[in-house]
Amino acid sequence: MMACVMPPTRNVRWAVLEVSDLTIGDGLVRDVSFTIAPGERVGLIGESGSGKTLTALAVMGLTDLPRSGTTLVDGISSWTHRGRKITMIFQEPMTALNPLMRVGAQIKEIMRIHGVGRREARERTARMVEDVALPQRALRAYPHELSGGQRQRALIAMAMVNNPDVLICDEPTTALDVTVQQQITDLLLRLADQRGTSLLFITHDLGLVARTCQRVMVMQQGRIVERGPVAEVLSTPSHDYTRTLLSASRLDTPVIEENYGGTVVEVDRVTRVFRKMTALESVSLTVRSGERLGIVGGSGSGKTTLLKLLAGLDEPTSGTVRVQGGTQMVFQDPLSSLNPRMRIADIVAEPLIGWSAAQKHARVVEVLGEVGLGPEVLGRYPHEFSGGQRQRISIARALGPKPAILLADEPVSALDVSVRKQVLDLLADLVAEYGITLVFVSHDLAVVRHVCTSVVVMDQGRIIERGRVDEVYADPQHDYTRTLLEAVPRL
């Protein structure tokens, strides 16, 4: 006798989120379909422009682009559940939070909109702030009064306070240092497990996917090209694009000749105080000609303050800074460091002071060629380029006057993995070709190991450890260094 297979009853929830044949705009996202089960954690990975965020915005009903297909939560259009059964945490909390409202009021507002009474909203807000490990004083603070990690915790509180069935996380830890990133990731997983919330985790960090997700989907040019269990996809990928992402994520430790000259940077017992906050305290440091020094540490450790002192953009409260030779700087965000009203030819030529027009033009074409950009870009503006191309332009501008020392402040933290590796390899090649002394600031220890020969570890305005990169990474002497290394997501 043949067994009778009964259809699932309406109250059996085999999928809390269903996306079917989603197409957005003119092929920006094409025929995307997937489901997420209750309590399941699914990663969505791919390069910038692959359609990851656009897919999430369409599920949330936050895009005006023409679209087709269906996005359902509990069998009903996901749009009608926004803010209640399905919520989203955005990449940049400072732009996602209202700068004119106190944090507590913003958490309460998300409940009041969905019919929660004032008293209950106040009580749930207080409990939620405890759950995300924010101090109660944060309720009365404005977003700008909180650190980056605290702002992200406030966004998590807003997203979880209505106990959603589905939480979409769009690059929620990209701008955070590794220790805060680990804290935020652990917090998300703990809250999701406690509440049975399903996660759609969007990121370009494959190590983070390995740490947080059970399944993964790989997106390229608006399509999902591979999907499956995380361990299977990341260990034996079937698609060439996935293999490319994996290769770019594994930064090797190249053998770099250490032919150092005399001292070109000397920092002697430098302290820098801003009002009542001490950013640097009695820091001493020397850098030799040809050295590639990495400076690592958490947010607020003093890395960028030290780099600004070396660049001459700030002065110490006490102590001395001596730099021999011309310096140029590559900044973290190329879009904000490039003048949007200037053409590329003028941007790259700007530091060539005292050069003739003909010399400037020749040097601009030469240095753009060295970073992989042709003369056709000369008349264009920064907004016409991708993030990786803009960072190449920033590097070209810095290398134009042939500086003796190149200062780089988180130059690849905002780039996806394949572009990051391209820019890092380019930077390493050009530093070797020009014989430049490199001072490289980053919170990503794998990046520092890929481009630097020596490393300094900073914590709370002090240098707590220094040595050759391979020695410090293999045998860290300080507890904080060990904490940084253990917090790095690994494949």
Protein backbone atom coordinates (compact mmCIF):
# COMPACT_ATOMS: atom_id res chain seq x y z
CA MET A 1 0.00 0.00 0.00
CA MET A 2 1.45 3.38 -1.04
CA ALA A 3 2.04 5.81 1.78
CA CYS A 4 0.00 8.97 1.64
CA VAL A 5 2.10 12.13 1.90
CA MET A 6 0.06 14.87 3.53
CA PRO A 7 0.68 18.48 2.53
CA PRO A 8 2.01 20.69 5.31
CA THR A 9 -0.65 22.45 7.35
CA ARG A 10 -0.78 26.24 7.29
CA ASN A 11 0.77 26.56 10.76
CA VAL A 12 3.89 24.52 9.86
CA ARG A 13 6.57 27.09 9.07
CA TRP A 14 9.16 25.40 6.83
CA ALA A 15 10.42 28.77 5.56
CA VAL A 16 10.06 32.09 7.34
CA LEU A 17 11.45 34.10 4.39
CA GLU A 18 10.73 33.17 0.76
CA VAL A 19 12.19 35.11 -2.17
CA SER A 20 11.03 33.94 -5.61
CA ASP A 21 12.23 35.11 -9.05
CA LEU A 22 13.29 38.54 -7.76
CA THR A 23 14.41 40.84 -10.58
CA ILE A 24 15.30 44.51 -9.98
CA GLY A 25 15.86 47.30 -12.48
CA ASP A 26 17.49 46.56 -15.81
CA GLY A 27 19.20 43.34 -14.76
CA LEU A 28 20.78 44.73 -11.57
CA VAL A 29 19.34 41.66 -9.83
CA ARG A 30 18.10 38.77 -11.96
CA ASP A 31 15.87 35.80 -11.08
CA VAL A 32 17.03 35.51 -7.45
CA SER A 33 15.25 32.84 -5.40
CA PHE A 34 16.01 31.50 -1.94
CA THR A 35 14.37 30.53 1.34
CA ILE A 36 15.46 30.83 4.97
CA ALA A 37 14.09 28.53 7.66
CA PRO A 38 13.17 29.65 11.18
CA GLY A 39 16.33 30.23 13.22
CA GLU A 40 18.61 29.60 10.23
CA ARG A 41 21.68 31.75 9.54
CA VAL A 42 22.42 32.32 5.84
CA GLY A 43 25.31 34.32 4.39
CA LEU A 44 25.14 36.30 1.15
CA ILE A 45 28.59 37.11 -0.25
CA GLY A 46 29.95 38.80 -3.37
CA GLU A 47 31.85 41.85 -4.53
CA SER A 48 30.61 45.43 -4.46
CA GLY A 49 27.98 45.88 -7.17
CA SER A 50 26.99 42.21 -7.22
CA GLY A 51 23.45 43.01 -6.00
CA LYS A 52 23.65 41.89 -2.35
CA THR A 53 22.43 45.10 -0.72
CA LEU A 54 19.90 45.77 -3.49
CA THR A 55 18.37 42.34 -2.84
CA ALA A 56 18.08 43.13 0.87
CA LEU A 57 16.55 46.56 0.21
CA ALA A 58 13.98 44.97 -2.12
CA VAL A 59 13.04 42.44 0.55
CA MET A 60 12.57 45.33 2.98
CA GLY A 61 10.63 47.39 0.43
CA LEU A 62 13.23 50.17 0.56
CA THR A 63 13.99 50.59 -3.15
CA ASP A 64 12.04 52.56 -5.75
CA LEU A 65 13.55 50.66 -8.67
CA PRO A 66 11.12 48.59 -10.76
CA ARG A 67 11.00 45.00 -9.57
CA SER A 68 9.23 41.72 -10.15
CA GLY A 69 8.96 38.50 -8.20
CA THR A 70 7.79 37.92 -4.63
CA THR A 71 9.31 38.38 -1.17
CA LEU A 72 7.27 36.78 1.60
CA VAL A 73 7.58 36.59 5.37
CA ASP A 74 5.28 33.97 6.90
CA GLY A 75 3.50 33.76 3.55
CA ILE A 76 2.66 37.48 3.43
CA SER A 77 4.46 40.28 1.55
CA SER A 78 7.61 41.16 3.49
CA TRP A 79 6.91 44.87 3.01
CA THR A 80 3.89 44.72 5.34
CA HIS A 81 6.06 43.24 8.13
CA ARG A 82 8.89 45.79 7.93
CA GLY A 83 10.08 46.89 11.37
CA ARG A 84 8.10 44.17 13.14
CA LYS A 85 8.63 40.66 11.73
CA ILE A 86 11.53 41.60 9.48
CA THR A 87 14.16 44.24 10.31
CA MET A 88 17.53 45.35 8.98
CA ILE A 89 20.86 46.53 10.39
CA PHE A 90 22.75 48.81 8.03
CA GLN A 91 26.48 49.10 7.38
CA GLU A 92 26.99 52.66 8.60
CA PRO A 93 25.16 53.36 11.89
CA MET A 94 25.91 57.08 11.85
CA THR A 95 23.78 57.54 8.72
CA ALA A 96 21.13 55.02 9.85
CA LEU A 97 20.49 56.76 13.18
CA ASN A 98 18.69 60.10 13.42
CA PRO A 99 21.38 62.60 14.58
CA LEU A 100 18.73 64.86 16.17
CA MET A 101 17.09 62.23 18.38
CA ARG A 102 18.39 60.63 21.54
CA VAL A 103 19.15 56.92 21.21
CA GLY A 104 16.49 55.87 23.73
CA ALA A 105 13.79 57.80 21.86
CA GLN A 106 14.75 56.07 18.60
CA ILE A 107 14.47 52.61 20.17
CA LYS A 108 11.07 53.47 21.66
CA GLU A 109 9.85 54.92 18.36
CA ILE A 110 10.26 51.62 16.51
CA MET A 111 7.88 50.00 19.05
CA ARG A 112 5.39 52.87 19.21
CA ILE A 113 4.99 52.77 15.42
CA HIS A 114 3.83 49.16 15.76
CA GLY A 115 1.31 49.78 18.52
CA VAL A 116 3.29 49.18 21.72
CA GLY A 117 2.14 51.33 24.65
CA ARG A 118 4.36 53.99 26.17
CA ARG A 119 5.00 52.17 29.44
CA GLU A 120 5.80 48.84 27.81
CA ALA A 121 8.02 50.58 25.23
CA ARG A 122 9.96 52.27 28.03
CA GLU A 123 10.42 48.99 29.95
CA ARG A 124 11.41 46.99 26.85
CA THR A 125 13.89 49.70 25.86
CA ALA A 126 15.62 49.51 29.25
CA ARG A 127 15.83 45.70 29.00
CA MET A 128 17.05 45.85 25.40
CA VAL A 129 19.84 48.26 26.25
CA GLU A 130 21.04 45.78 28.89
CA ASP A 131 20.80 42.91 26.38
CA VAL A 132 23.10 44.69 23.89
CA ALA A 133 25.53 45.70 26.67
CA LEU A 134 25.03 49.45 26.34
CA PRO A 135 25.23 51.62 29.47
CA GLN A 136 21.89 53.10 30.55
CA ARG A 137 23.33 56.58 29.96
CA ALA A 138 23.35 55.74 26.24
CA LEU A 139 19.55 56.15 26.26
CA ARG A 140 20.01 59.89 26.84
CA ALA A 141 22.91 60.25 24.39
CA TYR A 142 22.83 61.43 20.79
CA PRO A 143 24.46 59.17 18.15
CA HIS A 144 27.56 61.35 17.82
CA GLU A 145 28.26 60.92 21.54
CA LEU A 146 28.71 57.15 21.16
CA SER A 147 31.60 55.16 19.71
CA GLY A 148 31.23 53.23 16.46
CA GLY A 149 30.70 49.96 18.32
CA GLN A 150 28.12 51.55 20.65
CA ARG A 151 26.22 53.02 17.70
CA GLN A 152 26.09 49.59 16.08
CA ARG A 153 24.78 48.14 19.36
CA ALA A 154 22.05 50.81 19.35
CA LEU A 155 21.05 49.74 15.83
CA ILE A 156 20.93 46.12 16.96
CA ALA A 157 18.67 47.14 19.86
CA MET A 158 16.32 48.91 17.44
CA ALA A 159 16.30 45.92 15.10
CA MET A 160 15.66 43.30 17.82
CA VAL A 161 13.35 45.11 20.21
CA ASN A 162 10.20 43.92 18.36
CA ASN A 163 11.45 40.30 18.35
CA PRO A 164 11.51 39.92 14.54
CA ASP A 165 11.37 36.58 12.76
CA VAL A 166 14.01 37.69 10.24
CA LEU A 167 17.00 40.01 10.70
CA ILE A 168 18.97 41.24 7.68
CA CYS A 169 22.52 42.35 8.51
CA ASP A 170 24.15 44.40 5.74
CA GLU A 171 27.92 44.53 6.38
CA PRO A 172 27.27 45.37 10.07
CA THR A 173 30.92 45.13 11.16
CA THR A 174 32.92 46.37 8.14
CA ALA A 175 34.12 49.63 9.71
CA LEU A 176 34.90 48.13 13.14
CA ASP A 177 38.21 46.83 14.45
CA VAL A 178 38.57 43.09 14.91
CA THR A 179 37.87 42.95 18.65
CA VAL A 180 34.70 45.08 18.41
CA GLN A 181 33.71 43.12 15.29
CA GLN A 182 33.90 39.90 17.28
CA GLN A 183 31.86 41.41 20.12
CA ILE A 184 29.13 42.61 17.74
CA THR A 185 29.05 39.30 15.86
CA ASP A 186 28.81 37.30 19.10
CA LEU A 187 26.04 39.64 20.30
CA LEU A 188 24.04 39.15 17.08
CA LEU A 189 24.34 35.38 17.28
CA ARG A 190 23.38 35.29 20.97
CA LEU A 191 20.28 37.47 20.49
CA ALA A 192 19.24 35.54 17.37
CA ASP A 193 19.57 32.20 19.23
CA GLN A 194 17.64 33.47 22.26
CA ARG A 195 14.77 34.76 20.13
CA GLY A 196 14.80 32.13 17.35
CA THR A 197 15.46 34.86 14.78
CA SER A 198 16.62 33.93 11.28
CA LEU A 199 19.65 35.83 9.92
CA LEU A 200 20.51 36.93 6.40
CA PHE A 201 24.13 38.05 6.81
CA ILE A 202 25.50 40.16 3.93
CA THR A 203 29.26 40.58 3.85
CA HIS A 204 32.38 40.39 1.70
CA ASP A 205 34.36 38.83 4.57
CA LEU A 206 34.42 35.07 3.98
CA GLY A 207 36.01 34.47 7.37
CA LEU A 208 33.03 36.16 9.00
CA VAL A 209 30.63 33.94 7.03
CA ALA A 210 32.56 30.88 8.21
CA ARG A 211 32.16 32.07 11.82
CA THR A 212 28.47 33.05 11.72
CA CYS A 213 26.50 31.16 9.07
CA GLN A 214 25.23 27.66 8.32
CA ARG A 215 24.52 28.16 4.61
CA VAL A 216 26.00 30.59 2.11
CA MET A 217 24.93 32.05 -1.24
CA VAL A 218 27.45 33.56 -3.66
CA MET A 219 26.26 36.46 -5.80
CA GLN A 220 27.86 37.76 -9.02
CA GLN A 221 26.46 40.38 -11.40
CA GLY A 222 22.98 40.16 -9.93
CA ARG A 223 22.69 36.36 -9.91
CA ILE A 224 23.25 33.69 -7.29
CA VAL A 225 25.95 31.53 -8.87
CA GLU A 226 26.54 29.07 -6.01
CA ARG A 227 24.88 28.03 -2.77
CA GLY A 228 25.23 25.35 -0.14
CA PRO A 229 26.48 24.56 3.37
CA VAL A 230 29.26 26.93 4.45
CA ALA A 231 31.86 24.22 5.03
CA GLU A 232 31.20 22.69 1.61
CA VAL A 233 31.20 25.93 -0.42
CA LEU A 234 34.27 27.40 1.29
CA SER A 235 36.31 24.18 1.14
CA THR A 236 35.32 22.78 -2.28
CA PRO A 237 33.70 25.59 -4.32
CA SER A 238 32.20 24.57 -7.66
CA HIS A 239 32.06 27.98 -9.37
CA ASP A 240 35.11 29.85 -10.69
CA TYR A 241 33.89 33.11 -9.12
CA THR A 242 33.72 31.53 -5.65
CA ARG A 243 37.24 30.17 -6.12
CA THR A 244 38.39 33.69 -7.07
CA LEU A 245 36.86 35.15 -3.89
CA LEU A 246 38.50 32.46 -1.76
CA SER A 247 41.88 33.05 -3.37
CA ALA A 248 41.63 36.81 -2.78
CA SER A 249 40.63 36.25 0.86
CA ARG A 250 43.80 34.31 1.65
CA LEU A 251 46.52 36.91 2.02
CA ASP A 252 49.94 35.31 2.05
CA THR A 253 53.04 36.43 3.91
CA PRO A 254 55.53 37.35 1.17
CA VAL A 255 59.29 37.27 1.67
CA ILE A 256 60.47 40.90 1.59
CA GLU A 257 64.11 41.89 1.52
CA GLU A 258 64.96 43.96 4.57
CA ASN A 259 67.57 46.35 3.19
CA TYR A 260 67.15 49.20 5.64
CA GLY A 261 69.05 52.47 5.71
CA GLY A 262 69.34 55.09 8.41
CA THR A 263 66.54 56.43 10.61
CA VAL A 264 64.03 58.60 8.72
CA VAL A 265 61.28 58.83 11.37
CA GLU A 266 61.95 59.45 15.05
CA VAL A 267 59.20 59.88 17.60
CA ASP A 268 60.52 60.70 21.07
CA ARG A 269 58.25 60.51 24.14
CA VAL A 270 55.30 62.05 22.35
CA THR A 271 52.06 62.77 24.19
CA ARG A 272 48.95 64.18 22.51
CA VAL A 273 46.04 65.41 24.63
CA PHE A 274 42.69 66.56 23.23
CA ARG A 275 40.94 68.56 25.93
CA LYS A 276 40.66 65.93 28.70
CA MET A 277 41.36 62.88 26.53
CA THR A 278 44.90 61.52 26.14
CA ALA A 279 45.20 60.04 22.64
CA LEU A 280 48.94 59.28 22.85
CA GLU A 281 50.99 58.85 26.00
CA SER A 282 54.81 58.91 25.95
CA VAL A 283 55.14 57.16 22.58
CA SER A 284 58.65 56.58 21.20
CA LEU A 285 59.28 55.06 17.79
CA THR A 286 61.93 54.91 15.06
CA VAL A 287 61.49 53.90 11.42
CA ARG A 288 64.43 53.21 9.11
CA SER A 289 64.69 53.98 5.41
CA GLY A 290 63.06 51.23 3.34
CA GLU A 291 61.21 49.72 6.29
CA ARG A 292 57.55 48.70 5.96
CA LEU A 293 56.03 49.32 9.37
CA GLY A 294 52.50 48.24 10.23
CA ILE A 295 50.63 49.91 13.10
CA VAL A 296 47.73 47.86 14.48
CA GLY A 297 45.31 48.27 17.35
CA GLY A 298 41.66 48.76 18.18
CA SER A 299 39.62 51.89 17.55
CA GLY A 300 40.81 54.68 19.83
CA SER A 301 44.24 53.12 20.37
CA GLY A 302 46.00 56.17 18.88
CA LYS A 303 46.97 54.80 15.45
CA THR A 304 45.53 57.59 13.29
CA THR A 305 46.64 60.31 15.74
CA LEU A 306 50.22 59.04 15.46
CA LEU A 307 49.99 58.98 11.66
CA LYS A 308 48.72 62.58 11.57
CA LEU A 309 51.69 63.67 13.65
CA LEU A 310 54.05 61.98 11.16
CA ALA A 311 52.23 63.69 8.28
CA GLY A 312 52.52 67.12 9.90
CA LEU A 313 48.72 67.42 10.11
CA ASP A 314 48.88 67.79 13.89
CA GLU A 315 51.40 68.71 16.60
CA PRO A 316 52.21 66.85 19.84
CA THR A 317 51.30 68.26 23.23
CA SER A 318 54.77 67.24 24.37
CA GLY A 319 57.70 65.34 22.93
CA THR A 320 59.25 65.60 19.46
CA VAL A 321 58.58 64.19 15.98
CA ARG A 322 61.35 64.24 13.37
CA VAL A 323 60.71 63.14 9.79
CA GLN A 324 63.45 63.26 7.14
CA GLY A 325 62.23 63.37 3.56
CA GLY A 326 58.98 64.20 1.81
CA THR A 327 55.81 62.44 2.96
CA GLN A 328 52.51 61.73 1.23
CA MET A 329 49.39 60.11 2.63
CA VAL A 330 46.74 57.68 1.37
CA PHE A 331 43.47 58.03 3.31
CA GLN A 332 40.86 55.46 4.31
CA ASP A 333 37.97 56.83 2.26
CA PRO A 334 39.05 57.90 -1.23
CA LEU A 335 35.68 59.46 -2.09
CA SER A 336 35.92 61.99 0.75
CA SER A 337 39.65 62.63 0.21
CA LEU A 338 39.27 63.39 -3.53
CA ASN A 339 37.80 66.77 -4.48
CA PRO A 340 34.51 65.96 -6.27
CA ARG A 341 34.75 69.17 -8.35
CA MET A 342 38.22 68.46 -9.72
CA ARG A 343 39.09 66.28 -12.69
CA ILE A 344 41.46 63.37 -12.16
CA ALA A 345 44.28 65.11 -14.04
CA ASP A 346 44.14 68.07 -11.65
CA ILE A 347 43.78 65.87 -8.54
CA VAL A 348 46.89 63.81 -9.31
CA ALA A 349 48.86 66.91 -10.38
CA GLU A 350 47.94 68.92 -7.25
CA PRO A 351 50.98 67.90 -5.11
CA LEU A 352 53.44 68.50 -7.99
CA ILE A 353 54.35 71.96 -6.76
CA GLY A 354 57.00 73.74 -8.84
CA TRP A 355 56.69 71.41 -11.82
CA SER A 356 56.02 72.87 -15.28
CA ALA A 357 52.72 72.11 -17.05
CA ALA A 358 54.43 69.70 -19.43
CA GLN A 359 56.24 67.92 -16.60
CA LYS A 360 53.00 67.66 -14.61
CA HIS A 361 51.10 66.14 -17.52
CA ALA A 362 53.83 63.61 -18.26
CA ARG A 363 54.12 62.59 -14.60
CA VAL A 364 50.33 62.31 -14.15
CA VAL A 365 50.04 60.01 -17.18
CA GLU A 366 53.03 57.99 -15.97
CA VAL A 367 51.85 57.46 -12.40
CA LEU A 368 48.25 56.70 -13.44
CA GLY A 369 49.65 54.06 -15.76
CA GLU A 370 51.56 52.57 -12.85
CA VAL A 371 48.33 52.08 -10.91
CA GLY A 372 46.59 50.54 -13.93
CA LEU A 373 44.62 53.54 -15.26
CA GLY A 374 44.96 54.91 -18.79
CA PRO A 375 45.00 58.52 -20.06
CA GLU A 376 41.29 58.30 -20.87
CA VAL A 377 40.51 58.93 -17.15
CA LEU A 378 42.19 62.35 -17.05
CA GLY A 379 39.06 64.36 -17.78
CA ARG A 380 36.72 62.40 -15.55
CA TYR A 381 35.54 63.09 -11.97
CA PRO A 382 35.86 60.89 -8.82
CA HIS A 383 32.19 59.87 -8.73
CA GLU A 384 32.59 58.15 -12.11
CA PHE A 385 34.86 55.46 -10.63
CA SER A 386 34.43 52.42 -8.40
CA GLY A 387 35.84 52.35 -4.85
CA GLY A 388 38.89 50.36 -5.93
CA GLN A 389 39.59 52.73 -8.85
CA ARG A 390 39.28 55.76 -6.56
CA GLN A 391 41.81 54.24 -4.18
CA ARG A 392 44.17 53.68 -7.12
CA ILE A 393 43.80 57.39 -7.96
CA SER A 394 44.59 58.26 -4.33
CA ILE A 395 47.73 56.14 -4.50
CA ALA A 396 48.73 57.78 -7.80
CA ARG A 397 48.32 61.23 -6.24
CA ALA A 398 50.47 60.22 -3.26
CA LEU A 399 53.22 58.73 -5.44
CA GLY A 400 53.25 61.60 -7.95
CA PRO A 401 55.95 63.72 -6.25
CA LYS A 402 58.03 60.58 -5.52
CA PRO A 403 57.93 60.82 -1.71
CA ALA A 404 60.51 59.20 0.52
CA ILE A 405 57.82 58.13 3.02
CA LEU A 406 54.29 56.92 2.29
CA LEU A 407 51.71 57.01 5.09
CA ALA A 408 48.62 54.82 4.58
CA ASP A 409 45.63 55.08 6.93
CA GLU A 410 43.32 52.03 6.56
CA PRO A 411 43.61 52.26 2.75
CA VAL A 412 41.72 49.02 1.99
CA SER A 413 39.25 48.64 4.87
CA ALA A 414 36.26 49.71 2.74
CA LEU A 415 37.11 47.48 -0.26
CA ASP A 416 35.81 44.01 -1.05
CA VAL A 417 38.26 41.12 -0.94
CA SER A 418 39.28 40.88 -4.61
CA VAL A 419 39.78 44.64 -5.01
CA ARG A 420 41.56 44.73 -1.64
CA LYS A 421 44.13 42.19 -2.80
CA GLN A 422 44.66 44.05 -6.08
CA VAL A 423 45.28 47.34 -4.26
CA LEU A 424 47.56 45.72 -1.66
CA ASP A 425 49.66 43.98 -4.32
CA LEU A 426 49.85 47.22 -6.29
CA LEU A 427 50.92 49.17 -3.20
CA ALA A 428 53.57 46.59 -2.28
CA ASP A 429 54.99 46.54 -5.83
CA LEU A 430 55.17 50.34 -6.07
CA VAL A 431 56.76 50.70 -2.63
CA ALA A 432 59.44 48.20 -3.68
CA GLU A 433 59.94 49.87 -7.08
CA TYR A 434 60.33 53.36 -5.62
CA GLY A 435 62.28 52.24 -2.54
CA ILE A 436 59.72 53.98 -0.31
CA THR A 437 59.49 53.78 3.47
CA LEU A 438 55.93 52.66 4.30
CA VAL A 439 53.96 53.31 7.49
CA PHE A 440 50.72 51.36 7.20
CA VAL A 441 47.86 51.72 9.71
CA SER A 442 45.19 49.03 9.84
CA HIS A 443 42.93 47.08 12.20
CA ASP A 444 43.20 44.07 9.87
CA LEU A 445 46.17 42.00 10.99
CA ALA A 446 46.12 39.80 7.87
CA VAL A 447 46.53 42.90 5.71
CA VAL A 448 49.49 44.15 7.76
CA ARG A 449 51.16 40.76 7.53
CA HIS A 450 50.76 40.84 3.73
CA VAL A 451 52.51 44.19 3.13
CA CYS A 452 54.74 44.93 6.15
CA THR A 453 58.06 43.69 7.51
CA SER A 454 57.66 44.94 11.07
CA VAL A 455 54.68 45.76 13.27
CA VAL A 456 53.80 47.96 16.22
CA VAL A 457 50.80 47.10 18.42
CA MET A 458 49.02 50.02 20.12
CA ASP A 459 46.50 50.06 22.94
CA GLN A 460 45.07 53.07 24.78
CA GLY A 461 47.63 55.48 23.34
CA ARG A 462 50.70 53.38 24.10
CA ILE A 463 52.94 51.04 22.13
CA ILE A 464 52.71 47.70 23.92
CA GLU A 465 54.58 45.45 21.49
CA ARG A 466 56.91 45.74 18.51
CA GLY A 467 58.89 43.34 16.34
CA ARG A 468 59.17 41.55 13.03
CA VAL A 469 55.76 40.68 11.63
CA ASP A 470 56.34 36.93 11.49
CA GLU A 471 57.71 36.82 15.04
CA VAL A 472 54.93 38.90 16.62
CA TYR A 473 52.22 36.91 14.83
CA ALA A 474 53.78 33.54 15.68
CA ASP A 475 54.61 34.33 19.31
CA PRO A 476 52.82 37.44 20.65
CA GLN A 477 54.16 38.56 24.03
CA HIS A 478 51.28 40.77 25.19
CA ASP A 479 47.76 39.62 26.12
CA TYR A 480 46.19 42.37 23.99
CA THR A 481 48.14 41.23 20.91
CA ARG A 482 46.90 37.69 21.48
CA THR A 483 43.35 39.03 21.79
CA LEU A 484 43.67 40.86 18.45
CA LEU A 485 44.99 37.75 16.71
CA GLU A 486 42.30 35.50 18.16
CA ALA A 487 39.55 37.92 17.07
CA VAL A 488 40.49 37.73 13.35
CA PRO A 489 37.80 35.73 11.44
CA ARG A 490 39.40 32.79 9.65
CA LEU A 491 38.26 30.58 6.82
